[in-house]
Amino acid sequence: MESITVKDYLNFANESDIKKIVKGETILFTDKIIKINRYGMSQERNILITNWGIYNLKKKCKKYNIINLKKIY
């Protein structure tokens, strides 16, 4: 069995607001990304990947979108 290396660059595992969002999911990866919108403007986002889904967070946890991993497979 492979071991999974967790890369929590933003230290979200210790944030209480993030724990409320992920509700017991295992955080696998977090980092800052730059999103380019349809008008060509850049926007900073935080990406959070768990064992259940991918979260696109705006301003830590003010607004977020979730993609269920089952939709990707």
C-alpha atoms as a PDB file:
ATOM      1  CA  MET A   1       0.000   0.000   0.000  1.00  0.00           C
ATOM      2  CA  GLU A   2       1.334   3.436  -0.962  1.00  0.00           C
ATOM      3  CA  SER A   3       1.697   6.173   1.587  1.00  0.00           C
ATOM      4  CA  ILE A   4       0.292   9.550   0.606  1.00  0.00           C
ATOM      5  CA  THR A   5       2.448  12.614   1.168  1.00  0.00           C
ATOM      6  CA  VAL A   6       0.408  15.543   2.461  1.00  0.00           C
ATOM      7  CA  LYS A   7       1.460  18.983   1.207  1.00  0.00           C
ATOM      8  CA  ASP A   8      -0.445  21.522   3.307  1.00  0.00           C
ATOM      9  CA  TYR A   9       1.564  24.620   2.340  1.00  0.00           C
ATOM     10  CA  LEU A  10      -1.070  26.996   3.751  1.00  0.00           C
ATOM     11  CA  ASN A  11      -1.400  25.103   7.070  1.00  0.00           C
ATOM     12  CA  PHE A  12      -5.170  24.750   6.639  1.00  0.00           C
ATOM     13  CA  ALA A  13      -5.288  21.593   8.772  1.00  0.00           C
ATOM     14  CA  ASN A  14      -4.969  23.823  11.848  1.00  0.00           C
ATOM     15  CA  GLU A  15      -7.587  26.425  10.795  1.00  0.00           C
ATOM     16  CA  SER A  16     -10.946  26.081  12.571  1.00  0.00           C
ATOM     17  CA  ASP A  17     -12.877  27.781   9.723  1.00  0.00           C
ATOM     18  CA  ILE A  18     -11.443  25.310   7.213  1.00  0.00           C
ATOM     19  CA  LYS A  19     -12.253  22.345   9.465  1.00  0.00           C
ATOM     20  CA  LYS A  20     -15.916  23.439   9.389  1.00  0.00           C
ATOM     21  CA  ILE A  21     -15.877  23.405   5.588  1.00  0.00           C
ATOM     22  CA  VAL A  22     -14.177  20.034   5.080  1.00  0.00           C
ATOM     23  CA  LYS A  23     -16.068  18.304   7.933  1.00  0.00           C
ATOM     24  CA  GLY A  24     -13.719  15.418   8.690  1.00  0.00           C
ATOM     25  CA  GLU A  25     -12.219  15.008   5.218  1.00  0.00           C
ATOM     26  CA  THR A  26      -8.474  14.443   4.979  1.00  0.00           C
ATOM     27  CA  ILE A  27      -6.575  17.444   3.627  1.00  0.00           C
ATOM     28  CA  LEU A  28      -4.069  16.259   1.021  1.00  0.00           C
ATOM     29  CA  PHE A  29      -2.842  19.493  -0.593  1.00  0.00           C
ATOM     30  CA  THR A  30      -3.199  23.265  -0.176  1.00  0.00           C
ATOM     31  CA  ASP A  31      -1.489  26.131  -1.980  1.00  0.00           C
ATOM     32  CA  LYS A  32      -2.028  29.553  -3.532  1.00  0.00           C
ATOM     33  CA  ILE A  33      -2.797  29.714  -7.250  1.00  0.00           C
ATOM     34  CA  ILE A  34      -3.451  32.469  -9.757  1.00  0.00           C
ATOM     35  CA  LYS A  35      -6.695  32.138 -11.697  1.00  0.00           C
ATOM     36  CA  ILE A  36      -7.127  34.037 -14.953  1.00  0.00           C
ATOM     37  CA  ASN A  37     -10.770  34.993 -15.501  1.00  0.00           C
ATOM     38  CA  ARG A  38     -12.517  35.305 -18.861  1.00  0.00           C
ATOM     39  CA  TYR A  39     -11.569  38.994 -19.052  1.00  0.00           C
ATOM     40  CA  GLY A  40      -7.848  38.188 -18.732  1.00  0.00           C
ATOM     41  CA  MET A  41      -7.589  39.511 -15.171  1.00  0.00           C
ATOM     42  CA  SER A  42      -5.658  37.530 -12.577  1.00  0.00           C
ATOM     43  CA  GLN A  43      -7.245  36.568  -9.265  1.00  0.00           C
ATOM     44  CA  GLU A  44      -5.495  34.917  -6.325  1.00  0.00           C
ATOM     45  CA  ARG A  45      -7.166  31.768  -5.000  1.00  0.00           C
ATOM     46  CA  ASN A  46      -6.391  29.110  -2.434  1.00  0.00           C
ATOM     47  CA  ILE A  47      -6.769  25.533  -3.633  1.00  0.00           C
ATOM     48  CA  LEU A  48      -7.557  22.782  -1.163  1.00  0.00           C
ATOM     49  CA  ILE A  49      -7.651  19.125  -2.194  1.00  0.00           C
ATOM     50  CA  THR A  50      -9.122  16.510   0.137  1.00  0.00           C
ATOM     51  CA  ASN A  51      -9.879  12.825  -0.181  1.00  0.00           C
ATOM     52  CA  TRP A  52     -13.429  13.848  -1.242  1.00  0.00           C
ATOM     53  CA  GLY A  53     -13.044  16.897  -3.452  1.00  0.00           C
ATOM     54  CA  ILE A  54     -11.264  19.957  -4.755  1.00  0.00           C
ATOM     55  CA  TYR A  55     -12.096  23.298  -3.137  1.00  0.00           C
ATOM     56  CA  ASN A  56     -11.474  26.638  -4.860  1.00  0.00           C
ATOM     57  CA  LEU A  57     -11.355  29.103  -1.959  1.00  0.00           C
ATOM     58  CA  LYS A  58     -11.561  32.854  -2.278  1.00  0.00           C
ATOM     59  CA  LYS A  59     -10.128  34.736   0.737  1.00  0.00           C
ATOM     60  CA  LYS A  60      -9.485  31.581   2.811  1.00  0.00           C
ATOM     61  CA  CYS A  61     -13.091  30.545   3.356  1.00  0.00           C
ATOM     62  CA  LYS A  62     -15.367  33.465   2.510  1.00  0.00           C
ATOM     63  CA  LYS A  63     -16.545  31.898  -0.747  1.00  0.00           C
ATOM     64  CA  TYR A  64     -15.721  28.546  -2.243  1.00  0.00           C
ATOM     65  CA  ASN A  65     -16.599  26.103  -4.996  1.00  0.00           C
ATOM     66  CA  ILE A  66     -16.360  22.332  -4.638  1.00  0.00           C
ATOM     67  CA  ILE A  67     -15.705  19.723  -7.313  1.00  0.00           C
ATOM     68  CA  ASN A  68     -16.513  16.192  -6.172  1.00  0.00           C
ATOM     69  CA  LEU A  69     -13.710  13.790  -7.123  1.00  0.00           C
ATOM     70  CA  LYS A  70     -16.284  11.252  -8.353  1.00  0.00           C
ATOM     71  CA  LYS A  71     -17.148  13.670 -11.177  1.00  0.00           C
ATOM     72  CA  ILE A  72     -13.512  13.676 -12.307  1.00  0.00           C
ATOM     73  CA  TYR A  73     -13.027   9.895 -12.466  1.00  0.00           C
END
